[in-house]
């Protein structure tokens, strides 16, 4: 979350760091899809 906030501040960060932090917005390493399926099935019954 801290990195996501920083990623919008290109006036305060060098470009190479801002470009990498921008990936935190939707490219955080995912957890397995089959695990997500099991969580959905458990919640919806």
ModelCIF file with pLDDT and N, C-alpha, C, O atoms, coordinates in Angstrom:
data_MODEL
#
_entry.id   MODEL 
#
_entity.id                         1 
_entity.type                       polymer 
_entity.pdbx_number_of_molecules   1 
#
_entity_poly.entity_id                      1 
_entity_poly.type                           'polypeptide(L)' 
_entity_poly.nstd_linkage                   no 
_entity_poly.nstd_monomer                   no 
_entity_poly.pdbx_seq_one_letter_code       
;(UNK)(UNK)(UNK)(UNK)(UNK)(UNK)(UNK)(UNK)(UNK)(UNK)(UNK)(UNK)(UNK)(UNK)(UNK)(UNK)
(UNK)(UNK)(UNK)(UNK)(UNK)(UNK)(UNK)(UNK)(UNK)(UNK)(UNK)(UNK)(UNK)(UNK)(UNK)(UNK)
(UNK)(UNK)(UNK)(UNK)(UNK)(UNK)(UNK)(UNK)(UNK)(UNK)(UNK)(UNK)(UNK)
;
_entity_poly.pdbx_seq_one_letter_code_can   XXXXXXXXXXXXXXXXXXXXXXXXXXXXXXXXXXXXXXXXXXXXX 
_entity_poly.pdbx_strand_id                 A 
#
loop_
_entity_poly_seq.entity_id 
_entity_poly_seq.num 
_entity_poly_seq.mon_id 
_entity_poly_seq.hetero 
1 1  UNK n 
1 2  UNK n 
1 3  UNK n 
1 4  UNK n 
1 5  UNK n 
1 6  UNK n 
1 7  UNK n 
1 8  UNK n 
1 9  UNK n 
1 10 UNK n 
1 11 UNK n 
1 12 UNK n 
1 13 UNK n 
1 14 UNK n 
1 15 UNK n 
1 16 UNK n 
1 17 UNK n 
1 18 UNK n 
1 19 UNK n 
1 20 UNK n 
1 21 UNK n 
1 22 UNK n 
1 23 UNK n 
1 24 UNK n 
1 25 UNK n 
1 26 UNK n 
1 27 UNK n 
1 28 UNK n 
1 29 UNK n 
1 30 UNK n 
1 31 UNK n 
1 32 UNK n 
1 33 UNK n 
1 34 UNK n 
1 35 UNK n 
1 36 UNK n 
1 37 UNK n 
1 38 UNK n 
1 39 UNK n 
1 40 UNK n 
1 41 UNK n 
1 42 UNK n 
1 43 UNK n 
1 44 UNK n 
1 45 UNK n 
#
_struct_asym.id          A 
_struct_asym.entity_id   1 
#
loop_
_ma_qa_metric.id 
_ma_qa_metric.mode 
_ma_qa_metric.name 
_ma_qa_metric.software_group_id 
_ma_qa_metric.type 
1 global pLDDT . pLDDT 
2 local  pLDDT . pLDDT 
#
_ma_qa_metric_global.metric_id      1 
_ma_qa_metric_global.metric_value   76.40 
_ma_qa_metric_global.model_id       1 
_ma_qa_metric_global.ordinal_id     1 
#
loop_
_ma_qa_metric_local.label_asym_id 
_ma_qa_metric_local.label_comp_id 
_ma_qa_metric_local.label_seq_id 
_ma_qa_metric_local.metric_id 
_ma_qa_metric_local.metric_value 
_ma_qa_metric_local.model_id 
_ma_qa_metric_local.ordinal_id 
A UNK 1  2 72.00 1 1  
A UNK 2  2 69.00 1 2  
A UNK 3  2 73.00 1 3  
A UNK 4  2 68.00 1 4  
A UNK 5  2 62.00 1 5  
A UNK 6  2 63.00 1 6  
A UNK 7  2 65.00 1 7  
A UNK 8  2 55.00 1 8  
A UNK 9  2 54.00 1 9  
A UNK 10 2 56.00 1 10 
A UNK 11 2 51.00 1 11 
A UNK 12 2 55.00 1 12 
A UNK 13 2 64.00 1 13 
A UNK 14 2 72.00 1 14 
A UNK 15 2 71.00 1 15 
A UNK 16 2 79.00 1 16 
A UNK 17 2 79.00 1 17 
A UNK 18 2 74.00 1 18 
A UNK 19 2 75.00 1 19 
A UNK 20 2 80.00 1 20 
A UNK 21 2 78.00 1 21 
A UNK 22 2 71.00 1 22 
A UNK 23 2 73.00 1 23 
A UNK 24 2 72.00 1 24 
A UNK 25 2 59.00 1 25 
A UNK 26 2 53.00 1 26 
A UNK 27 2 61.00 1 27 
A UNK 28 2 70.00 1 28 
A UNK 29 2 79.00 1 29 
A UNK 30 2 87.00 1 30 
A UNK 31 2 89.00 1 31 
A UNK 32 2 92.00 1 32 
A UNK 33 2 91.00 1 33 
A UNK 34 2 92.00 1 34 
A UNK 35 2 94.00 1 35 
A UNK 36 2 94.00 1 36 
A UNK 37 2 95.00 1 37 
A UNK 38 2 94.00 1 38 
A UNK 39 2 94.00 1 39 
A UNK 40 2 95.00 1 40 
A UNK 41 2 94.00 1 41 
A UNK 42 2 94.00 1 42 
A UNK 43 2 94.00 1 43 
A UNK 44 2 93.00 1 44 
A UNK 45 2 93.00 1 45 
#
loop_
_atom_site.group_PDB 
_atom_site.id 
_atom_site.type_symbol 
_atom_site.label_atom_id 
_atom_site.label_alt_id 
_atom_site.label_comp_id 
_atom_site.label_asym_id 
_atom_site.label_entity_id 
_atom_site.label_seq_id 
_atom_site.pdbx_PDB_ins_code 
_atom_site.Cartn_x 
_atom_site.Cartn_y 
_atom_site.Cartn_z 
_atom_site.occupancy 
_atom_site.B_iso_or_equiv 
_atom_site.pdbx_formal_charge 
_atom_site.auth_seq_id 
_atom_site.auth_comp_id 
_atom_site.auth_asym_id 
_atom_site.auth_atom_id 
_atom_site.pdbx_PDB_model_num 
ATOM 1   N N  . UNK A 1 1  ? 0.827   -1.199  0.000   1.00 72.00 ? 1  UNK A N  1 
ATOM 2   C CA . UNK A 1 1  ? 0.000   0.000   0.000   1.00 72.00 ? 1  UNK A CA 1 
ATOM 3   C C  . UNK A 1 1  ? 0.868   1.259   0.000   1.00 72.00 ? 1  UNK A C  1 
ATOM 4   O O  . UNK A 1 1  ? 0.579   2.225   -0.705  1.00 72.00 ? 1  UNK A O  1 
ATOM 5   N N  . UNK A 1 2  ? 1.920   1.233   0.789   1.00 69.00 ? 2  UNK A N  1 
ATOM 6   C CA . UNK A 1 2  ? 2.846   2.366   0.845   1.00 69.00 ? 2  UNK A CA 1 
ATOM 7   C C  . UNK A 1 2  ? 3.478   2.599   -0.529  1.00 69.00 ? 2  UNK A C  1 
ATOM 8   O O  . UNK A 1 2  ? 3.596   3.738   -0.981  1.00 69.00 ? 2  UNK A O  1 
ATOM 9   N N  . UNK A 1 3  ? 3.880   1.519   -1.184  1.00 73.00 ? 3  UNK A N  1 
ATOM 10  C CA . UNK A 1 3  ? 4.470   1.633   -2.516  1.00 73.00 ? 3  UNK A CA 1 
ATOM 11  C C  . UNK A 1 3  ? 3.481   2.147   -3.543  1.00 73.00 ? 3  UNK A C  1 
ATOM 12  O O  . UNK A 1 3  ? 3.857   2.904   -4.437  1.00 73.00 ? 3  UNK A O  1 
ATOM 13  N N  . UNK A 1 4  ? 2.209   1.746   -3.430  1.00 68.00 ? 4  UNK A N  1 
ATOM 14  C CA . UNK A 1 4  ? 1.186   2.231   -4.353  1.00 68.00 ? 4  UNK A CA 1 
ATOM 15  C C  . UNK A 1 4  ? 1.001   3.737   -4.233  1.00 68.00 ? 4  UNK A C  1 
ATOM 16  O O  . UNK A 1 4  ? 0.839   4.432   -5.237  1.00 68.00 ? 4  UNK A O  1 
ATOM 17  N N  . UNK A 1 5  ? 1.026   4.234   -3.012  1.00 62.00 ? 5  UNK A N  1 
ATOM 18  C CA . UNK A 1 5  ? 0.900   5.677   -2.817  1.00 62.00 ? 5  UNK A CA 1 
ATOM 19  C C  . UNK A 1 5  ? 2.097   6.397   -3.438  1.00 62.00 ? 5  UNK A C  1 
ATOM 20  O O  . UNK A 1 5  ? 1.941   7.415   -4.114  1.00 62.00 ? 5  UNK A O  1 
ATOM 21  N N  . UNK A 1 6  ? 3.298   5.853   -3.198  1.00 63.00 ? 6  UNK A N  1 
ATOM 22  C CA . UNK A 1 6  ? 4.502   6.475   -3.750  1.00 63.00 ? 6  UNK A CA 1 
ATOM 23  C C  . UNK A 1 6  ? 4.515   6.454   -5.276  1.00 63.00 ? 6  UNK A C  1 
ATOM 24  O O  . UNK A 1 6  ? 5.080   7.355   -5.896  1.00 63.00 ? 6  UNK A O  1 
ATOM 25  N N  . UNK A 1 7  ? 3.902   5.443   -5.892  1.00 65.00 ? 7  UNK A N  1 
ATOM 26  C CA . UNK A 1 7  ? 3.995   5.273   -7.342  1.00 65.00 ? 7  UNK A CA 1 
ATOM 27  C C  . UNK A 1 7  ? 3.364   6.427   -8.104  1.00 65.00 ? 7  UNK A C  1 
ATOM 28  O O  . UNK A 1 7  ? 3.709   6.655   -9.264  1.00 65.00 ? 7  UNK A O  1 
ATOM 29  N N  . UNK A 1 8  ? 2.442   7.167   -7.478  1.00 55.00 ? 8  UNK A N  1 
ATOM 30  C CA . UNK A 1 8  ? 1.799   8.296   -8.159  1.00 55.00 ? 8  UNK A CA 1 
ATOM 31  C C  . UNK A 1 8  ? 2.614   9.581   -8.024  1.00 55.00 ? 8  UNK A C  1 
ATOM 32  O O  . UNK A 1 8  ? 2.258   10.601  -8.614  1.00 55.00 ? 8  UNK A O  1 
ATOM 33  N N  . UNK A 1 9  ? 3.695   9.545   -7.260  1.00 54.00 ? 9  UNK A N  1 
ATOM 34  C CA . UNK A 1 9  ? 4.468   10.760  -6.981  1.00 54.00 ? 9  UNK A CA 1 
ATOM 35  C C  . UNK A 1 9  ? 5.730   10.805  -7.828  1.00 54.00 ? 9  UNK A C  1 
ATOM 36  O O  . UNK A 1 9  ? 6.840   10.726  -7.301  1.00 54.00 ? 9  UNK A O  1 
ATOM 37  N N  . UNK A 1 10 ? 5.564   10.930  -9.138  1.00 56.00 ? 10 UNK A N  1 
ATOM 38  C CA . UNK A 1 10 ? 6.715   10.957  -10.042 1.00 56.00 ? 10 UNK A CA 1 
ATOM 39  C C  . UNK A 1 10 ? 7.539   12.236  -9.882  1.00 56.00 ? 10 UNK A C  1 
ATOM 40  O O  . UNK A 1 10 ? 8.695   12.289  -10.301 1.00 56.00 ? 10 UNK A O  1 
ATOM 41  N N  . UNK A 1 11 ? 6.952   13.250  -9.285  1.00 51.00 ? 11 UNK A N  1 
ATOM 42  C CA . UNK A 1 11 ? 7.721   14.466  -9.032  1.00 51.00 ? 11 UNK A CA 1 
ATOM 43  C C  . UNK A 1 11 ? 8.665   14.293  -7.844  1.00 51.00 ? 11 UNK A C  1 
ATOM 44  O O  . UNK A 1 11 ? 9.595   15.082  -7.676  1.00 51.00 ? 11 UNK A O  1 
ATOM 45  N N  . UNK A 1 12 ? 8.436   13.270  -7.020  1.00 55.00 ? 12 UNK A N  1 
ATOM 46  C CA . UNK A 1 12 ? 9.275   13.050  -5.835  1.00 55.00 ? 12 UNK A CA 1 
ATOM 47  C C  . UNK A 1 12 ? 10.215  11.864  -6.000  1.00 55.00 ? 12 UNK A C  1 
ATOM 48  O O  . UNK A 1 12 ? 11.130  11.693  -5.194  1.00 55.00 ? 12 UNK A O  1 
ATOM 49  N N  . UNK A 1 13 ? 10.010  11.035  -7.034  1.00 64.00 ? 13 UNK A N  1 
ATOM 50  C CA . UNK A 1 13 ? 10.793  9.808   -7.207  1.00 64.00 ? 13 UNK A CA 1 
ATOM 51  C C  . UNK A 1 13 ? 11.515  9.821   -8.549  1.00 64.00 ? 13 UNK A C  1 
ATOM 52  O O  . UNK A 1 13 ? 11.019  10.412  -9.508  1.00 64.00 ? 13 UNK A O  1 
ATOM 53  N N  . UNK A 1 14 ? 12.683  9.179   -8.633  1.00 72.00 ? 14 UNK A N  1 
ATOM 54  C CA . UNK A 1 14 ? 13.304  8.972   -9.943  1.00 72.00 ? 14 UNK A CA 1 
ATOM 55  C C  . UNK A 1 14 ? 12.419  8.096   -10.823 1.00 72.00 ? 14 UNK A C  1 
ATOM 56  O O  . UNK A 1 14 ? 11.652  7.279   -10.313 1.00 72.00 ? 14 UNK A O  1 
ATOM 57  N N  . UNK A 1 15 ? 12.522  8.260   -12.140 1.00 71.00 ? 15 UNK A N  1 
ATOM 58  C CA . UNK A 1 15 ? 11.627  7.553   -13.064 1.00 71.00 ? 15 UNK A CA 1 
ATOM 59  C C  . UNK A 1 15 ? 11.750  6.037   -12.941 1.00 71.00 ? 15 UNK A C  1 
ATOM 60  O O  . UNK A 1 15 ? 10.744  5.331   -13.019 1.00 71.00 ? 15 UNK A O  1 
ATOM 61  N N  . UNK A 1 16 ? 12.977  5.523   -12.749 1.00 79.00 ? 16 UNK A N  1 
ATOM 62  C CA . UNK A 1 16 ? 13.141  4.069   -12.717 1.00 79.00 ? 16 UNK A CA 1 
ATOM 63  C C  . UNK A 1 16 ? 12.414  3.458   -11.523 1.00 79.00 ? 16 UNK A C  1 
ATOM 64  O O  . UNK A 1 16 ? 11.850  2.370   -11.638 1.00 79.00 ? 16 UNK A O  1 
ATOM 65  N N  . UNK A 1 17 ? 12.418  4.148   -10.369 1.00 79.00 ? 17 UNK A N  1 
ATOM 66  C CA . UNK A 1 17 ? 11.720  3.643   -9.187  1.00 79.00 ? 17 UNK A CA 1 
ATOM 67  C C  . UNK A 1 17 ? 10.212  3.795   -9.354  1.00 79.00 ? 17 UNK A C  1 
ATOM 68  O O  . UNK A 1 17 ? 9.458   2.886   -9.006  1.00 79.00 ? 17 UNK A O  1 
ATOM 69  N N  . UNK A 1 18 ? 9.759   4.945   -9.887  1.00 74.00 ? 18 UNK A N  1 
ATOM 70  C CA . UNK A 1 18 ? 8.322   5.158   -10.085 1.00 74.00 ? 18 UNK A CA 1 
ATOM 71  C C  . UNK A 1 18 ? 7.739   4.136   -11.054 1.00 74.00 ? 18 UNK A C  1 
ATOM 72  O O  . UNK A 1 18 ? 6.632   3.644   -10.838 1.00 74.00 ? 18 UNK A O  1 
ATOM 73  N N  . UNK A 1 19 ? 8.480   3.807   -12.132 1.00 75.00 ? 19 UNK A N  1 
ATOM 74  C CA . UNK A 1 19 ? 7.991   2.823   -13.109 1.00 75.00 ? 19 UNK A CA 1 
ATOM 75  C C  . UNK A 1 19 ? 7.804   1.451   -12.467 1.00 75.00 ? 19 UNK A C  1 
ATOM 76  O O  . UNK A 1 19 ? 6.822   0.763   -12.743 1.00 75.00 ? 19 UNK A O  1 
ATOM 77  N N  . UNK A 1 20 ? 8.744   1.055   -11.614 1.00 80.00 ? 20 UNK A N  1 
ATOM 78  C CA . UNK A 1 20 ? 8.642   -0.249  -10.965 1.00 80.00 ? 20 UNK A CA 1 
ATOM 79  C C  . UNK A 1 20 ? 7.512   -0.268  -9.930  1.00 80.00 ? 20 UNK A C  1 
ATOM 80  O O  . UNK A 1 20 ? 6.764   -1.242  -9.842  1.00 80.00 ? 20 UNK A O  1 
ATOM 81  N N  . UNK A 1 21 ? 7.392   0.812   -9.148  1.00 78.00 ? 21 UNK A N  1 
ATOM 82  C CA . UNK A 1 21 ? 6.341   0.851   -8.131  1.00 78.00 ? 21 UNK A CA 1 
ATOM 83  C C  . UNK A 1 21 ? 4.953   0.881   -8.763  1.00 78.00 ? 21 UNK A C  1 
ATOM 84  O O  . UNK A 1 21 ? 3.981   0.452   -8.143  1.00 78.00 ? 21 UNK A O  1 
ATOM 85  N N  . UNK A 1 22 ? 4.854   1.389   -10.002 1.00 71.00 ? 22 UNK A N  1 
ATOM 86  C CA . UNK A 1 22 ? 3.568   1.391   -10.695 1.00 71.00 ? 22 UNK A CA 1 
ATOM 87  C C  . UNK A 1 22 ? 3.050   -0.028  -10.914 1.00 71.00 ? 22 UNK A C  1 
ATOM 88  O O  . UNK A 1 22 ? 1.843   -0.239  -11.029 1.00 71.00 ? 22 UNK A O  1 
ATOM 89  N N  . UNK A 1 23 ? 3.961   -1.001  -10.971 1.00 73.00 ? 23 UNK A N  1 
ATOM 90  C CA . UNK A 1 23 ? 3.544   -2.392  -11.156 1.00 73.00 ? 23 UNK A CA 1 
ATOM 91  C C  . UNK A 1 23 ? 2.847   -2.946  -9.918  1.00 73.00 ? 23 UNK A C  1 
ATOM 92  O O  . UNK A 1 23 ? 2.149   -3.957  -9.996  1.00 73.00 ? 23 UNK A O  1 
ATOM 93  N N  . UNK A 1 24 ? 3.035   -2.283  -8.772  1.00 72.00 ? 24 UNK A N  1 
ATOM 94  C CA . UNK A 1 24 ? 2.365   -2.742  -7.552  1.00 72.00 ? 24 UNK A CA 1 
ATOM 95  C C  . UNK A 1 24 ? 0.861   -2.519  -7.624  1.00 72.00 ? 24 UNK A C  1 
ATOM 96  O O  . UNK A 1 24 ? 0.115   -3.094  -6.831  1.00 72.00 ? 24 UNK A O  1 
ATOM 97  N N  . UNK A 1 25 ? 0.404   -1.689  -8.565  1.00 59.00 ? 25 UNK A N  1 
ATOM 98  C CA . UNK A 1 25 ? -1.001  -1.326  -8.601  1.00 59.00 ? 25 UNK A CA 1 
ATOM 99  C C  . UNK A 1 25 ? -1.890  -2.491  -9.009  1.00 59.00 ? 25 UNK A C  1 
ATOM 100 O O  . UNK A 1 25 ? -3.025  -2.586  -8.541  1.00 59.00 ? 25 UNK A O  1 
ATOM 101 N N  . UNK A 1 26 ? -1.408  -3.368  -9.862  1.00 53.00 ? 26 UNK A N  1 
ATOM 102 C CA . UNK A 1 26 ? -2.243  -4.522  -10.226 1.00 53.00 ? 26 UNK A CA 1 
ATOM 103 C C  . UNK A 1 26 ? -1.427  -5.742  -10.619 1.00 53.00 ? 26 UNK A C  1 
ATOM 104 O O  . UNK A 1 26 ? -1.956  -6.668  -11.234 1.00 53.00 ? 26 UNK A O  1 
ATOM 105 N N  . UNK A 1 27 ? -0.139  -5.756  -10.270 1.00 61.00 ? 27 UNK A N  1 
ATOM 106 C CA . UNK A 1 27 ? 0.697   -6.881  -10.683 1.00 61.00 ? 27 UNK A CA 1 
ATOM 107 C C  . UNK A 1 27 ? 1.416   -7.532  -9.499  1.00 61.00 ? 27 UNK A C  1 
ATOM 108 O O  . UNK A 1 27 ? 2.509   -8.077  -9.654  1.00 61.00 ? 27 UNK A O  1 
ATOM 109 N N  . UNK A 1 28 ? 0.804   -7.473  -8.331  1.00 70.00 ? 28 UNK A N  1 
ATOM 110 C CA . UNK A 1 28 ? 1.353   -8.182  -7.177  1.00 70.00 ? 28 UNK A CA 1 
ATOM 111 C C  . UNK A 1 28 ? 1.255   -9.684  -7.459  1.00 70.00 ? 28 UNK A C  1 
ATOM 112 O O  . UNK A 1 28 ? 0.243   -10.131 -7.999  1.00 70.00 ? 28 UNK A O  1 
ATOM 113 N N  . UNK A 1 29 ? 2.275   -10.476 -7.112  1.00 79.00 ? 29 UNK A N  1 
ATOM 114 C CA . UNK A 1 29 ? 2.225   -11.925 -7.387  1.00 79.00 ? 29 UNK A CA 1 
ATOM 115 C C  . UNK A 1 29 ? 0.931   -12.549 -6.875  1.00 79.00 ? 29 UNK A C  1 
ATOM 116 O O  . UNK A 1 29 ? 0.583   -12.361 -5.709  1.00 79.00 ? 29 UNK A O  1 
ATOM 117 N N  . UNK A 1 30 ? 0.202   -13.294 -7.727  1.00 87.00 ? 30 UNK A N  1 
ATOM 118 C CA . UNK A 1 30 ? -1.096  -13.852 -7.329  1.00 87.00 ? 30 UNK A CA 1 
ATOM 119 C C  . UNK A 1 30 ? -0.942  -15.120 -6.502  1.00 87.00 ? 30 UNK A C  1 
ATOM 120 O O  . UNK A 1 30 ? 0.120   -15.742 -6.497  1.00 87.00 ? 30 UNK A O  1 
ATOM 121 N N  . UNK A 1 31 ? -2.011  -15.500 -5.803  1.00 89.00 ? 31 UNK A N  1 
ATOM 122 C CA . UNK A 1 31 ? -2.045  -16.827 -5.192  1.00 89.00 ? 31 UNK A CA 1 
ATOM 123 C C  . UNK A 1 31 ? -2.720  -17.774 -6.187  1.00 89.00 ? 31 UNK A C  1 
ATOM 124 O O  . UNK A 1 31 ? -3.397  -17.302 -7.101  1.00 89.00 ? 31 UNK A O  1 
ATOM 125 N N  . UNK A 1 32 ? -2.561  -19.091 -6.044  1.00 92.00 ? 32 UNK A N  1 
ATOM 126 C CA . UNK A 1 32 ? -3.020  -20.039 -7.070  1.00 92.00 ? 32 UNK A CA 1 
ATOM 127 C C  . UNK A 1 32 ? -4.520  -19.926 -7.373  1.00 92.00 ? 32 UNK A C  1 
ATOM 128 O O  . UNK A 1 32 ? -5.333  -19.709 -6.474  1.00 92.00 ? 32 UNK A O  1 
ATOM 129 N N  . UNK A 1 33 ? -4.869  -20.080 -8.658  1.00 91.00 ? 33 UNK A N  1 
ATOM 130 C CA . UNK A 1 33 ? -6.257  -19.982 -9.089  1.00 91.00 ? 33 UNK A CA 1 
ATOM 131 C C  . UNK A 1 33 ? -7.147  -21.065 -8.515  1.00 91.00 ? 33 UNK A C  1 
ATOM 132 O O  . UNK A 1 33 ? -8.319  -20.824 -8.226  1.00 91.00 ? 33 UNK A O  1 
ATOM 133 N N  . UNK A 1 34 ? -6.583  -22.282 -8.343  1.00 92.00 ? 34 UNK A N  1 
ATOM 134 C CA . UNK A 1 34 ? -7.407  -23.353 -7.768  1.00 92.00 ? 34 UNK A CA 1 
ATOM 135 C C  . UNK A 1 34 ? -7.735  -23.068 -6.306  1.00 92.00 ? 34 UNK A C  1 
ATOM 136 O O  . UNK A 1 34 ? -8.784  -23.477 -5.808  1.00 92.00 ? 34 UNK A O  1 
ATOM 137 N N  . UNK A 1 35 ? -6.830  -22.362 -5.618  1.00 94.00 ? 35 UNK A N  1 
ATOM 138 C CA . UNK A 1 35 ? -7.113  -21.962 -4.238  1.00 94.00 ? 35 UNK A CA 1 
ATOM 139 C C  . UNK A 1 35 ? -8.235  -20.912 -4.211  1.00 94.00 ? 35 UNK A C  1 
ATOM 140 O O  . UNK A 1 35 ? -9.104  -20.942 -3.340  1.00 94.00 ? 35 UNK A O  1 
ATOM 141 N N  . UNK A 1 36 ? -8.201  -19.991 -5.173  1.00 94.00 ? 36 UNK A N  1 
ATOM 142 C CA . UNK A 1 36 ? -9.274  -18.999 -5.272  1.00 94.00 ? 36 UNK A CA 1 
ATOM 143 C C  . UNK A 1 36 ? -10.609 -19.689 -5.536  1.00 94.00 ? 36 UNK A C  1 
ATOM 144 O O  . UNK A 1 36 ? -11.632 -19.305 -4.968  1.00 94.00 ? 36 UNK A O  1 
ATOM 145 N N  . UNK A 1 37 ? -10.601 -20.706 -6.397  1.00 95.00 ? 37 UNK A N  1 
ATOM 146 C CA . UNK A 1 37 ? -11.833 -21.452 -6.692  1.00 95.00 ? 37 UNK A CA 1 
ATOM 147 C C  . UNK A 1 37 ? -12.396 -22.092 -5.414  1.00 95.00 ? 37 UNK A C  1 
ATOM 148 O O  . UNK A 1 37 ? -13.600 -22.036 -5.164  1.00 95.00 ? 37 UNK A O  1 
ATOM 149 N N  . UNK A 1 38 ? -11.515 -22.697 -4.614  1.00 94.00 ? 38 UNK A N  1 
ATOM 150 C CA . UNK A 1 38 ? -11.979 -23.347 -3.379  1.00 94.00 ? 38 UNK A CA 1 
ATOM 151 C C  . UNK A 1 38 ? -12.555 -22.325 -2.397  1.00 94.00 ? 38 UNK A C  1 
ATOM 152 O O  . UNK A 1 38 ? -13.553 -22.598 -1.731  1.00 94.00 ? 38 UNK A O  1 
ATOM 153 N N  . UNK A 1 39 ? -11.927 -21.148 -2.308  1.00 94.00 ? 39 UNK A N  1 
ATOM 154 C CA . UNK A 1 39 ? -12.428 -20.110 -1.416  1.00 94.00 ? 39 UNK A CA 1 
ATOM 155 C C  . UNK A 1 39 ? -13.818 -19.640 -1.853  1.00 94.00 ? 39 UNK A C  1 
ATOM 156 O O  . UNK A 1 39 ? -14.695 -19.415 -1.018  1.00 94.00 ? 39 UNK A O  1 
ATOM 157 N N  . UNK A 1 40 ? -14.012 -19.495 -3.175  1.00 95.00 ? 40 UNK A N  1 
ATOM 158 C CA . UNK A 1 40 ? -15.316 -19.060 -3.701  1.00 95.00 ? 40 UNK A CA 1 
ATOM 159 C C  . UNK A 1 40 ? -16.382 -20.111 -3.398  1.00 95.00 ? 40 UNK A C  1 
ATOM 160 O O  . UNK A 1 40 ? -17.480 -19.777 -2.951  1.00 95.00 ? 40 UNK A O  1 
ATOM 161 N N  . UNK A 1 41 ? -16.060 -21.370 -3.638  1.00 94.00 ? 41 UNK A N  1 
ATOM 162 C CA . UNK A 1 41 ? -17.028 -22.442 -3.397  1.00 94.00 ? 41 UNK A CA 1 
ATOM 163 C C  . UNK A 1 41 ? -17.392 -22.543 -1.922  1.00 94.00 ? 41 UNK A C  1 
ATOM 164 O O  . UNK A 1 41 ? -18.545 -22.793 -1.572  1.00 94.00 ? 41 UNK A O  1 
ATOM 165 N N  . UNK A 1 42 ? -16.397 -22.346 -1.060  1.00 94.00 ? 42 UNK A N  1 
ATOM 166 C CA . UNK A 1 42 ? -16.670 -22.408 0.377   1.00 94.00 ? 42 UNK A CA 1 
ATOM 167 C C  . UNK A 1 42 ? -17.577 -21.254 0.811   1.00 94.00 ? 42 UNK A C  1 
ATOM 168 O O  . UNK A 1 42 ? -18.475 -21.441 1.631   1.00 94.00 ? 42 UNK A O  1 
ATOM 169 N N  . UNK A 1 43 ? -17.341 -20.067 0.261   1.00 94.00 ? 43 UNK A N  1 
ATOM 170 C CA . UNK A 1 43 ? -18.144 -18.897 0.646   1.00 94.00 ? 43 UNK A CA 1 
ATOM 171 C C  . UNK A 1 43 ? -19.560 -18.972 0.111   1.00 94.00 ? 43 UNK A C  1 
ATOM 172 O O  . UNK A 1 43 ? -20.512 -18.651 0.823   1.00 94.00 ? 43 UNK A O  1 
ATOM 173 N N  . UNK A 1 44 ? -19.713 -19.400 -1.159  1.00 93.00 ? 44 UNK A N  1 
ATOM 174 C CA . UNK A 1 44 ? -21.039 -19.440 -1.777  1.00 93.00 ? 44 UNK A CA 1 
ATOM 175 C C  . UNK A 1 44 ? -21.796 -20.719 -1.453  1.00 93.00 ? 44 UNK A C  1 
ATOM 176 O O  . UNK A 1 44 ? -23.010 -20.786 -1.645  1.00 93.00 ? 44 UNK A O  1 
ATOM 177 N N  . UNK A 1 45 ? -21.088 -21.738 -0.961  1.00 93.00 ? 45 UNK A N  1 
ATOM 178 C CA . UNK A 1 45 ? -21.737 -22.974 -0.565  1.00 93.00 ? 45 UNK A CA 1 
ATOM 179 C C  . UNK A 1 45 ? -22.173 -23.852 -1.726  1.00 93.00 ? 45 UNK A C  1 
ATOM 180 O O  . UNK A 1 45 ? -22.734 -24.926 -1.510  1.00 93.00 ? 45 UNK A O  1 
#
